[in-house]
């Protein structure tokens, strides 16, 4: 590979790391703002966020606990996802793709994607179910529909990333064995 392409790739990785940081910060701040206003009593932003049509329901302790849990879980998940993406892109920038730490970053990224699916499940099913109680059958139908929702792609991507991390580890082991033979 020529030097010019390497320099362009390094800038691409740096830009991707910056974009990931900005997007993660933006999403985290939106979640904090939404949860904070809901806990303070203004549920309009929360109703828009979880796409519930009813106007300003009264929240009880279970709803507050669910909002705190879901928001905290989401912020931790996005932080883990950003951290793993940042670490992986740092290794890619240095052309260190066959290190154990690169495979670990890729595996952490996959686990964070699986957690992201669970975050989407909490925001799309759990919170609306608790805040706007409906018949159990209607909530069950929502849950079944959610299992075929496009958000399932995050679950599949996470699984593929974990498998790729395993393949990177195996490639590293084969590379080490070849070095010992030579």
N, C-alpha and C. Protein backbone atom coordinates (compact mmCIF):
# COMPACT_ATOMS: atom_id res chain seq x y z
N UNK A 1 0.84 -1.17 0.00
CA UNK A 1 0.00 0.00 0.00
C UNK A 1 0.89 1.24 0.00
N UNK A 2 0.52 2.23 -0.78
CA UNK A 2 1.37 3.41 -0.85
C UNK A 2 1.13 4.34 0.34
N UNK A 3 2.06 5.24 0.54
CA UNK A 3 2.05 6.13 1.71
C UNK A 3 0.84 7.07 1.69
N UNK A 4 0.43 7.53 0.51
CA UNK A 4 -0.69 8.46 0.41
C UNK A 4 -1.98 7.80 0.87
N UNK A 5 -2.19 6.55 0.50
CA UNK A 5 -3.39 5.82 0.93
C UNK A 5 -3.38 5.60 2.44
N UNK A 6 -2.20 5.33 3.00
CA UNK A 6 -2.11 5.15 4.45
C UNK A 6 -2.48 6.41 5.20
N UNK A 7 -2.02 7.56 4.71
CA UNK A 7 -2.32 8.84 5.35
C UNK A 7 -3.82 9.13 5.26
N UNK A 8 -4.43 8.86 4.09
CA UNK A 8 -5.86 9.07 3.94
C UNK A 8 -6.65 8.17 4.88
N UNK A 9 -6.23 6.91 5.02
CA UNK A 9 -6.92 6.00 5.93
C UNK A 9 -6.81 6.48 7.37
N UNK A 10 -5.64 6.98 7.76
CA UNK A 10 -5.47 7.48 9.12
C UNK A 10 -6.42 8.64 9.39
N UNK A 11 -6.56 9.54 8.43
CA UNK A 11 -7.48 10.65 8.62
C UNK A 11 -8.92 10.17 8.67
N UNK A 12 -9.24 9.17 7.88
CA UNK A 12 -10.58 8.60 7.91
C UNK A 12 -10.88 8.00 9.28
N UNK A 13 -9.95 7.25 9.83
CA UNK A 13 -10.14 6.67 11.16
C UNK A 13 -10.28 7.75 12.23
N UNK A 14 -9.50 8.80 12.12
CA UNK A 14 -9.60 9.90 13.09
C UNK A 14 -10.95 10.59 12.99
N UNK A 15 -11.40 10.85 11.76
CA UNK A 15 -12.70 11.49 11.56
C UNK A 15 -13.81 10.59 12.10
N UNK A 16 -13.72 9.30 11.86
CA UNK A 16 -14.73 8.38 12.38
C UNK A 16 -14.75 8.37 13.91
N UNK A 17 -13.59 8.45 14.51
CA UNK A 17 -13.53 8.50 15.98
C UNK A 17 -14.17 9.78 16.50
N UNK A 18 -13.94 10.89 15.83
CA UNK A 18 -14.53 12.17 16.23
C UNK A 18 -16.05 12.12 16.06
N UNK A 19 -16.51 11.60 14.94
CA UNK A 19 -17.94 11.50 14.69
C UNK A 19 -18.60 10.59 15.73
N UNK A 20 -17.95 9.48 16.04
CA UNK A 20 -18.50 8.58 17.06
C UNK A 20 -18.59 9.28 18.41
N UNK A 21 -17.59 10.06 18.77
CA UNK A 21 -17.62 10.80 20.02
C UNK A 21 -18.73 11.84 20.05
N UNK A 22 -18.90 12.57 18.96
CA UNK A 22 -19.94 13.59 18.90
C UNK A 22 -21.33 12.95 18.97
N UNK A 23 -21.53 11.89 18.20
CA UNK A 23 -22.84 11.24 18.19
C UNK A 23 -23.16 10.60 19.54
N UNK A 24 -22.18 9.98 20.16
CA UNK A 24 -22.41 9.38 21.47
C UNK A 24 -22.74 10.45 22.50
N UNK A 25 -22.03 11.56 22.47
CA UNK A 25 -22.30 12.66 23.39
C UNK A 25 -23.70 13.22 23.17
N UNK A 26 -24.07 13.39 21.92
CA UNK A 26 -25.39 13.93 21.59
C UNK A 26 -26.50 13.00 22.09
N UNK A 27 -26.38 11.71 21.82
CA UNK A 27 -27.40 10.76 22.25
C UNK A 27 -27.46 10.70 23.77
N UNK A 28 -26.31 10.66 24.42
CA UNK A 28 -26.28 10.64 25.88
C UNK A 28 -26.93 11.86 26.50
N UNK A 29 -26.65 13.04 25.94
CA UNK A 29 -27.26 14.27 26.46
C UNK A 29 -28.77 14.28 26.23
N UNK A 30 -29.21 13.76 25.08
CA UNK A 30 -30.66 13.69 24.82
C UNK A 30 -31.34 12.76 25.81
N UNK A 31 -30.72 11.64 26.10
CA UNK A 31 -31.31 10.69 27.06
C UNK A 31 -31.35 11.33 28.44
N UNK A 32 -30.25 11.99 28.85
CA UNK A 32 -30.23 12.66 30.16
C UNK A 32 -31.28 13.77 30.24
N UNK A 33 -31.41 14.57 29.20
CA UNK A 33 -32.38 15.65 29.18
C UNK A 33 -33.80 15.10 29.25
N UNK A 34 -34.07 14.07 28.47
CA UNK A 34 -35.41 13.47 28.46
C UNK A 34 -35.75 12.87 29.82
N UNK A 35 -34.82 12.11 30.38
CA UNK A 35 -35.07 11.50 31.68
C UNK A 35 -35.17 12.56 32.77
N UNK A 36 -34.32 13.56 32.73
CA UNK A 36 -34.36 14.63 33.73
C UNK A 36 -35.66 15.39 33.72
N UNK A 37 -36.14 15.74 32.53
CA UNK A 37 -37.41 16.47 32.47
C UNK A 37 -38.58 15.59 32.90
N UNK A 38 -38.53 14.30 32.58
CA UNK A 38 -39.60 13.39 33.00
C UNK A 38 -39.59 13.22 34.52
N UNK A 39 -38.42 13.11 35.10
CA UNK A 39 -38.34 12.96 36.56
C UNK A 39 -38.73 14.25 37.27
N UNK A 40 -38.56 15.39 36.59
CA UNK A 40 -38.96 16.67 37.16
C UNK A 40 -40.46 16.93 37.01
N UNK A 41 -41.14 16.09 36.24
CA UNK A 41 -42.59 16.23 36.12
C UNK A 41 -43.10 16.55 34.74
N UNK A 42 -42.25 16.96 33.82
CA UNK A 42 -42.68 17.29 32.46
C UNK A 42 -42.45 16.06 31.58
N UNK A 43 -43.52 15.36 31.25
CA UNK A 43 -43.39 14.09 30.52
C UNK A 43 -43.59 14.24 29.02
N UNK A 44 -43.76 15.45 28.52
CA UNK A 44 -44.01 15.62 27.08
C UNK A 44 -42.86 15.09 26.23
N UNK A 45 -41.63 15.45 26.61
CA UNK A 45 -40.47 15.00 25.85
C UNK A 45 -40.34 13.48 25.92
N UNK A 46 -40.60 12.90 27.07
CA UNK A 46 -40.54 11.45 27.23
C UNK A 46 -41.58 10.77 26.36
N UNK A 47 -42.78 11.32 26.30
CA UNK A 47 -43.85 10.73 25.47
C UNK A 47 -43.46 10.77 23.99
N UNK A 48 -42.81 11.86 23.57
CA UNK A 48 -42.32 11.93 22.19
C UNK A 48 -41.18 10.93 21.96
N UNK A 49 -40.32 10.79 22.96
CA UNK A 49 -39.14 9.92 22.85
C UNK A 49 -39.54 8.45 22.72
N UNK A 50 -40.52 8.03 23.51
CA UNK A 50 -40.92 6.62 23.46
C UNK A 50 -42.13 6.41 22.55
N UNK A 51 -42.57 7.48 21.88
CA UNK A 51 -43.63 7.42 20.89
C UNK A 51 -44.94 6.89 21.45
N UNK A 52 -45.35 7.48 22.57
CA UNK A 52 -46.65 7.16 23.16
C UNK A 52 -47.58 8.33 22.83
N UNK A 53 -48.81 8.00 22.40
CA UNK A 53 -49.74 9.03 21.94
C UNK A 53 -50.46 9.77 23.05
N UNK A 54 -50.54 9.19 24.23
CA UNK A 54 -51.32 9.83 25.29
C UNK A 54 -50.60 11.09 25.80
N UNK A 55 -51.37 11.95 26.42
CA UNK A 55 -50.83 13.20 26.94
C UNK A 55 -50.52 13.06 28.42
N UNK A 56 -49.34 13.41 28.80
CA UNK A 56 -48.85 13.56 30.17
C UNK A 56 -49.52 12.66 31.21
N UNK A 57 -49.19 11.38 31.22
CA UNK A 57 -49.74 10.53 32.26
C UNK A 57 -49.09 10.85 33.61
N UNK A 58 -49.76 10.43 34.67
CA UNK A 58 -49.15 10.59 35.98
C UNK A 58 -48.22 9.41 36.20
N UNK A 59 -47.02 9.70 36.62
CA UNK A 59 -46.02 8.66 36.81
C UNK A 59 -46.00 8.22 38.26
N UNK A 60 -45.86 6.92 38.48
CA UNK A 60 -45.72 6.42 39.85
C UNK A 60 -44.28 5.96 40.06
N UNK A 61 -44.01 5.40 41.21
CA UNK A 61 -42.63 5.02 41.57
C UNK A 61 -42.03 4.00 40.61
N UNK A 62 -42.84 3.07 40.13
CA UNK A 62 -42.33 2.07 39.18
C UNK A 62 -41.91 2.75 37.89
N UNK A 63 -42.69 3.72 37.44
CA UNK A 63 -42.34 4.45 36.23
C UNK A 63 -41.04 5.22 36.41
N UNK A 64 -40.89 5.88 37.55
CA UNK A 64 -39.65 6.61 37.82
C UNK A 64 -38.45 5.67 37.85
N UNK A 65 -38.63 4.53 38.50
CA UNK A 65 -37.55 3.54 38.57
C UNK A 65 -37.21 3.02 37.18
N UNK A 66 -38.23 2.78 36.35
CA UNK A 66 -37.99 2.30 34.99
C UNK A 66 -37.28 3.34 34.15
N UNK A 67 -37.64 4.61 34.33
CA UNK A 67 -36.98 5.68 33.58
C UNK A 67 -35.52 5.79 33.99
N UNK A 68 -35.26 5.75 35.28
CA UNK A 68 -33.87 5.84 35.77
C UNK A 68 -33.07 4.64 35.28
N UNK A 69 -33.62 3.43 35.41
CA UNK A 69 -32.92 2.22 34.98
C UNK A 69 -32.64 2.25 33.48
N UNK A 70 -33.66 2.53 32.69
CA UNK A 70 -33.51 2.51 31.23
C UNK A 70 -32.53 3.59 30.77
N UNK A 71 -32.63 4.77 31.35
CA UNK A 71 -31.71 5.85 30.95
C UNK A 71 -30.27 5.52 31.34
N UNK A 72 -30.07 5.03 32.55
CA UNK A 72 -28.72 4.65 32.98
C UNK A 72 -28.16 3.52 32.13
N UNK A 73 -28.99 2.53 31.86
CA UNK A 73 -28.59 1.41 31.02
C UNK A 73 -28.21 1.88 29.62
N UNK A 74 -28.99 2.81 29.07
CA UNK A 74 -28.72 3.33 27.73
C UNK A 74 -27.41 4.12 27.71
N UNK A 75 -27.19 4.96 28.69
CA UNK A 75 -25.97 5.78 28.72
C UNK A 75 -24.74 4.89 28.88
N UNK A 76 -24.81 3.89 29.75
CA UNK A 76 -23.69 2.97 29.92
C UNK A 76 -23.43 2.20 28.63
N UNK A 77 -24.50 1.76 27.97
CA UNK A 77 -24.34 1.01 26.72
C UNK A 77 -23.70 1.87 25.63
N UNK A 78 -24.18 3.09 25.48
CA UNK A 78 -23.58 3.97 24.47
C UNK A 78 -22.13 4.30 24.80
N UNK A 79 -21.82 4.47 26.07
CA UNK A 79 -20.44 4.72 26.47
C UNK A 79 -19.56 3.51 26.14
N UNK A 80 -20.05 2.29 26.42
CA UNK A 80 -19.28 1.08 26.09
C UNK A 80 -19.10 0.94 24.58
N UNK A 81 -20.15 1.25 23.83
CA UNK A 81 -20.06 1.17 22.37
C UNK A 81 -19.05 2.18 21.85
N UNK A 82 -19.10 3.42 22.33
CA UNK A 82 -18.14 4.42 21.89
C UNK A 82 -16.72 4.01 22.25
N UNK A 83 -16.53 3.54 23.46
CA UNK A 83 -15.19 3.16 23.92
C UNK A 83 -14.60 2.04 23.05
N UNK A 84 -15.43 1.06 22.72
CA UNK A 84 -14.92 -0.05 21.90
C UNK A 84 -14.68 0.38 20.46
N UNK A 85 -15.55 1.22 19.92
CA UNK A 85 -15.34 1.74 18.56
C UNK A 85 -14.06 2.57 18.52
N UNK A 86 -13.89 3.43 19.50
CA UNK A 86 -12.71 4.28 19.57
C UNK A 86 -11.44 3.44 19.66
N UNK A 87 -11.45 2.42 20.50
CA UNK A 87 -10.27 1.55 20.66
C UNK A 87 -9.97 0.80 19.36
N UNK A 88 -11.01 0.28 18.72
CA UNK A 88 -10.81 -0.46 17.47
C UNK A 88 -10.26 0.45 16.38
N UNK A 89 -10.81 1.65 16.25
CA UNK A 89 -10.33 2.57 15.22
C UNK A 89 -8.92 3.07 15.52
N UNK A 90 -8.58 3.16 16.80
CA UNK A 90 -7.20 3.53 17.17
C UNK A 90 -6.22 2.46 16.66
N UNK A 91 -6.59 1.20 16.86
CA UNK A 91 -5.74 0.11 16.36
C UNK A 91 -5.70 0.11 14.83
N UNK A 92 -6.83 0.36 14.19
CA UNK A 92 -6.86 0.40 12.73
C UNK A 92 -5.99 1.54 12.21
N UNK A 93 -6.02 2.66 12.89
CA UNK A 93 -5.20 3.81 12.49
C UNK A 93 -3.71 3.46 12.52
N UNK A 94 -3.32 2.67 13.51
CA UNK A 94 -1.91 2.27 13.65
C UNK A 94 -1.58 0.99 12.88
N UNK A 95 -2.57 0.46 12.16
CA UNK A 95 -2.43 -0.78 11.39
C UNK A 95 -2.07 -1.96 12.29
N UNK A 96 -2.72 -2.05 13.44
CA UNK A 96 -2.49 -3.12 14.41
C UNK A 96 -3.73 -4.00 14.51
N UNK A 97 -4.11 -4.61 13.41
CA UNK A 97 -5.37 -5.37 13.40
C UNK A 97 -5.23 -6.79 13.94
N UNK A 98 -4.03 -7.31 14.07
CA UNK A 98 -3.87 -8.69 14.54
C UNK A 98 -3.36 -8.75 15.98
N UNK A 99 -3.72 -7.77 16.78
CA UNK A 99 -3.38 -7.80 18.20
C UNK A 99 -4.56 -8.34 18.99
N UNK A 100 -4.26 -8.90 20.15
CA UNK A 100 -5.33 -9.39 21.01
C UNK A 100 -6.23 -8.25 21.47
N UNK A 101 -5.65 -7.08 21.72
CA UNK A 101 -6.46 -5.95 22.16
C UNK A 101 -7.43 -5.48 21.07
N UNK A 102 -7.06 -5.65 19.81
CA UNK A 102 -7.96 -5.31 18.70
C UNK A 102 -9.14 -6.28 18.69
N UNK A 103 -8.85 -7.56 18.83
CA UNK A 103 -9.93 -8.56 18.89
C UNK A 103 -10.82 -8.32 20.10
N UNK A 104 -10.21 -7.94 21.22
CA UNK A 104 -11.01 -7.65 22.41
C UNK A 104 -11.91 -6.44 22.19
N UNK A 105 -11.39 -5.41 21.53
CA UNK A 105 -12.20 -4.22 21.24
C UNK A 105 -13.36 -4.58 20.31
N UNK A 106 -13.11 -5.43 19.34
CA UNK A 106 -14.15 -5.86 18.43
C UNK A 106 -15.21 -6.69 19.16
N UNK A 107 -14.78 -7.56 20.06
CA UNK A 107 -15.73 -8.36 20.84
C UNK A 107 -16.55 -7.47 21.77
N UNK A 108 -15.91 -6.47 22.39
CA UNK A 108 -16.64 -5.53 23.24
C UNK A 108 -17.65 -4.74 22.42
N UNK A 109 -17.29 -4.40 21.19
CA UNK A 109 -18.21 -3.70 20.31
C UNK A 109 -19.43 -4.58 20.01
N UNK A 110 -19.19 -5.85 19.78
CA UNK A 110 -20.29 -6.77 19.55
C UNK A 110 -21.20 -6.91 20.76
N UNK A 111 -20.61 -7.03 21.94
CA UNK A 111 -21.42 -7.11 23.16
C UNK A 111 -22.20 -5.82 23.38
N UNK A 112 -21.59 -4.68 23.08
CA UNK A 112 -22.28 -3.39 23.23
C UNK A 112 -23.44 -3.29 22.24
N UNK A 113 -23.29 -3.85 21.05
CA UNK A 113 -24.39 -3.85 20.08
C UNK A 113 -25.55 -4.72 20.57
N UNK A 114 -25.23 -5.83 21.20
CA UNK A 114 -26.28 -6.68 21.78
C UNK A 114 -26.97 -5.94 22.92
N UNK A 115 -26.21 -5.24 23.75
CA UNK A 115 -26.81 -4.42 24.80
C UNK A 115 -27.65 -3.29 24.21
N UNK A 116 -27.23 -2.76 23.08
CA UNK A 116 -27.99 -1.71 22.42
C UNK A 116 -29.36 -2.23 21.99
N UNK A 117 -29.42 -3.46 21.54
CA UNK A 117 -30.71 -4.08 21.21
C UNK A 117 -31.60 -4.11 22.45
N UNK A 118 -31.02 -4.47 23.60
CA UNK A 118 -31.80 -4.50 24.84
C UNK A 118 -32.25 -3.09 25.24
N UNK A 119 -31.41 -2.07 24.97
CA UNK A 119 -31.81 -0.69 25.24
C UNK A 119 -33.01 -0.33 24.38
N UNK A 120 -32.95 -0.66 23.08
CA UNK A 120 -34.08 -0.39 22.20
C UNK A 120 -35.33 -1.11 22.69
N UNK A 121 -35.16 -2.33 23.16
CA UNK A 121 -36.28 -3.10 23.70
C UNK A 121 -36.89 -2.38 24.91
N UNK A 122 -36.04 -1.85 25.78
CA UNK A 122 -36.54 -1.11 26.95
C UNK A 122 -37.30 0.14 26.54
N UNK A 123 -36.75 0.91 25.60
CA UNK A 123 -37.40 2.16 25.20
C UNK A 123 -38.64 1.92 24.36
N UNK A 124 -38.64 0.86 23.56
CA UNK A 124 -39.77 0.64 22.65
C UNK A 124 -40.89 -0.20 23.26
N UNK A 125 -40.57 -1.04 24.24
CA UNK A 125 -41.59 -1.94 24.80
C UNK A 125 -41.78 -1.72 26.30
N UNK A 126 -40.69 -1.76 27.08
CA UNK A 126 -40.82 -1.71 28.54
C UNK A 126 -41.40 -0.39 29.04
N UNK A 127 -40.80 0.72 28.66
CA UNK A 127 -41.29 2.01 29.15
C UNK A 127 -42.73 2.30 28.71
N UNK A 128 -43.07 2.12 27.43
CA UNK A 128 -44.48 2.35 27.07
C UNK A 128 -45.45 1.42 27.81
N UNK A 129 -45.01 0.18 28.05
CA UNK A 129 -45.87 -0.77 28.75
C UNK A 129 -46.11 -0.32 30.20
N UNK A 130 -45.10 0.22 30.85
CA UNK A 130 -45.25 0.65 32.24
C UNK A 130 -45.97 2.00 32.35
N UNK A 131 -45.67 2.91 31.44
CA UNK A 131 -46.23 4.26 31.54
C UNK A 131 -47.67 4.30 31.06
N UNK A 132 -47.97 3.57 30.02
CA UNK A 132 -49.34 3.53 29.50
C UNK A 132 -49.83 2.09 29.52
N UNK A 133 -50.31 1.62 30.66
CA UNK A 133 -50.74 0.22 30.75
C UNK A 133 -51.92 -0.05 29.82
N UNK A 134 -51.79 -1.11 29.08
CA UNK A 134 -52.86 -1.56 28.20
C UNK A 134 -53.12 -3.02 28.52
N UNK A 135 -53.97 -3.61 27.77
CA UNK A 135 -54.26 -5.02 27.98
C UNK A 135 -52.99 -5.84 27.75
N UNK A 136 -52.85 -6.92 28.50
CA UNK A 136 -51.67 -7.78 28.39
C UNK A 136 -51.52 -8.33 26.98
N UNK A 137 -52.61 -8.65 26.33
CA UNK A 137 -52.55 -9.20 24.96
C UNK A 137 -51.97 -8.18 24.01
N UNK A 138 -52.38 -6.91 24.13
CA UNK A 138 -51.85 -5.87 23.25
C UNK A 138 -50.36 -5.67 23.48
N UNK A 139 -49.91 -5.70 24.73
CA UNK A 139 -48.48 -5.58 25.02
C UNK A 139 -47.71 -6.78 24.50
N UNK A 140 -48.28 -7.96 24.58
CA UNK A 140 -47.64 -9.16 24.05
C UNK A 140 -47.48 -9.07 22.54
N UNK A 141 -48.50 -8.53 21.87
CA UNK A 141 -48.42 -8.36 20.42
C UNK A 141 -47.31 -7.38 20.08
N UNK A 142 -47.19 -6.28 20.86
CA UNK A 142 -46.11 -5.31 20.64
C UNK A 142 -44.75 -5.99 20.79
N UNK A 143 -44.61 -6.85 21.80
CA UNK A 143 -43.34 -7.53 22.03
C UNK A 143 -43.00 -8.48 20.87
N UNK A 144 -43.99 -9.21 20.38
CA UNK A 144 -43.76 -10.14 19.26
C UNK A 144 -43.39 -9.36 18.01
N UNK A 145 -44.08 -8.25 17.75
CA UNK A 145 -43.74 -7.41 16.60
C UNK A 145 -42.33 -6.87 16.74
N UNK A 146 -41.94 -6.52 17.97
CA UNK A 146 -40.61 -5.97 18.19
C UNK A 146 -39.53 -6.98 17.84
N UNK A 147 -39.81 -8.27 18.03
CA UNK A 147 -38.81 -9.29 17.73
C UNK A 147 -38.50 -9.37 16.24
N UNK A 148 -39.38 -8.86 15.38
CA UNK A 148 -39.10 -8.83 13.94
C UNK A 148 -38.86 -7.39 13.46
N UNK A 149 -38.64 -6.49 14.38
CA UNK A 149 -38.37 -5.09 14.09
C UNK A 149 -36.97 -4.94 13.50
N UNK A 150 -36.71 -3.88 12.73
CA UNK A 150 -35.36 -3.66 12.20
C UNK A 150 -34.28 -3.55 13.27
N UNK A 151 -34.65 -3.25 14.52
CA UNK A 151 -33.66 -3.18 15.58
C UNK A 151 -32.99 -4.52 15.85
N UNK A 152 -33.59 -5.59 15.36
CA UNK A 152 -32.97 -6.91 15.51
C UNK A 152 -31.63 -6.94 14.77
N UNK A 153 -31.46 -6.05 13.79
CA UNK A 153 -30.19 -5.97 13.08
C UNK A 153 -29.04 -5.66 14.03
N UNK A 154 -29.28 -4.85 15.06
CA UNK A 154 -28.21 -4.58 16.02
C UNK A 154 -27.80 -5.85 16.75
N UNK A 155 -28.76 -6.71 17.02
CA UNK A 155 -28.46 -8.00 17.65
C UNK A 155 -27.63 -8.87 16.71
N UNK A 156 -28.01 -8.90 15.45
CA UNK A 156 -27.26 -9.69 14.47
C UNK A 156 -25.86 -9.12 14.23
N UNK A 157 -25.76 -7.81 14.14
CA UNK A 157 -24.45 -7.17 13.94
C UNK A 157 -23.55 -7.46 15.14
N UNK A 158 -24.10 -7.39 16.33
CA UNK A 158 -23.32 -7.70 17.52
C UNK A 158 -22.79 -9.11 17.50
N UNK A 159 -23.63 -10.05 17.09
CA UNK A 159 -23.21 -11.45 17.01
C UNK A 159 -22.11 -11.62 15.97
N UNK A 160 -22.25 -10.96 14.83
CA UNK A 160 -21.23 -11.05 13.78
C UNK A 160 -19.91 -10.44 14.26
N UNK A 161 -19.97 -9.32 14.97
CA UNK A 161 -18.73 -8.70 15.47
C UNK A 161 -18.02 -9.61 16.47
N UNK A 162 -18.77 -10.29 17.31
CA UNK A 162 -18.16 -11.23 18.26
C UNK A 162 -17.51 -12.38 17.50
N UNK A 163 -18.18 -12.86 16.44
CA UNK A 163 -17.60 -13.93 15.62
C UNK A 163 -16.34 -13.45 14.91
N UNK A 164 -16.35 -12.22 14.41
CA UNK A 164 -15.15 -11.67 13.77
C UNK A 164 -14.00 -11.53 14.75
N UNK A 165 -14.30 -11.17 15.98
CA UNK A 165 -13.26 -11.08 17.01
C UNK A 165 -12.64 -12.45 17.24
N UNK A 166 -13.47 -13.49 17.26
CA UNK A 166 -12.94 -14.85 17.39
C UNK A 166 -12.06 -15.23 16.21
N UNK A 167 -12.47 -14.82 15.01
CA UNK A 167 -11.66 -15.10 13.82
C UNK A 167 -10.33 -14.35 13.87
N UNK A 168 -10.34 -13.11 14.36
CA UNK A 168 -9.09 -12.36 14.51
C UNK A 168 -8.15 -13.05 15.50
N UNK A 169 -8.72 -13.55 16.59
CA UNK A 169 -7.88 -14.26 17.57
C UNK A 169 -7.27 -15.51 16.96
N UNK A 170 -8.07 -16.26 16.20
CA UNK A 170 -7.54 -17.46 15.56
C UNK A 170 -6.47 -17.11 14.54
N UNK A 171 -6.68 -16.02 13.80
CA UNK A 171 -5.67 -15.56 12.85
C UNK A 171 -4.37 -15.19 13.55
N UNK A 172 -4.51 -14.57 14.69
CA UNK A 172 -3.33 -14.21 15.49
C UNK A 172 -2.58 -15.45 15.95
N UNK A 173 -3.33 -16.46 16.40
CA UNK A 173 -2.69 -17.71 16.84
C UNK A 173 -1.98 -18.41 15.69
N UNK A 174 -2.60 -18.42 14.51
CA UNK A 174 -1.98 -19.03 13.33
C UNK A 174 -0.73 -18.27 12.94
N UNK A 175 -0.81 -16.94 13.01
CA UNK A 175 0.36 -16.11 12.70
C UNK A 175 1.50 -16.41 13.67
N UNK A 176 1.20 -16.55 14.95
CA UNK A 176 2.24 -16.88 15.93
C UNK A 176 2.85 -18.26 15.67
N UNK A 177 2.01 -19.23 15.32
CA UNK A 177 2.51 -20.57 15.01
C UNK A 177 3.43 -20.55 13.79
N UNK A 178 3.05 -19.77 12.76
CA UNK A 178 3.88 -19.68 11.57
C UNK A 178 5.22 -19.03 11.87
N UNK A 179 5.21 -18.04 12.74
CA UNK A 179 6.46 -17.39 13.12
C UNK A 179 7.38 -18.36 13.85
N UNK A 180 6.80 -19.23 14.67
CA UNK A 180 7.61 -20.20 15.40
C UNK A 180 8.19 -21.25 14.46
N UNK A 181 7.45 -21.60 13.43
CA UNK A 181 7.95 -22.58 12.47
C UNK A 181 9.08 -22.00 11.66
N UNK A 182 8.95 -20.76 11.24
CA UNK A 182 9.97 -20.10 10.42
C UNK A 182 11.07 -19.68 11.31
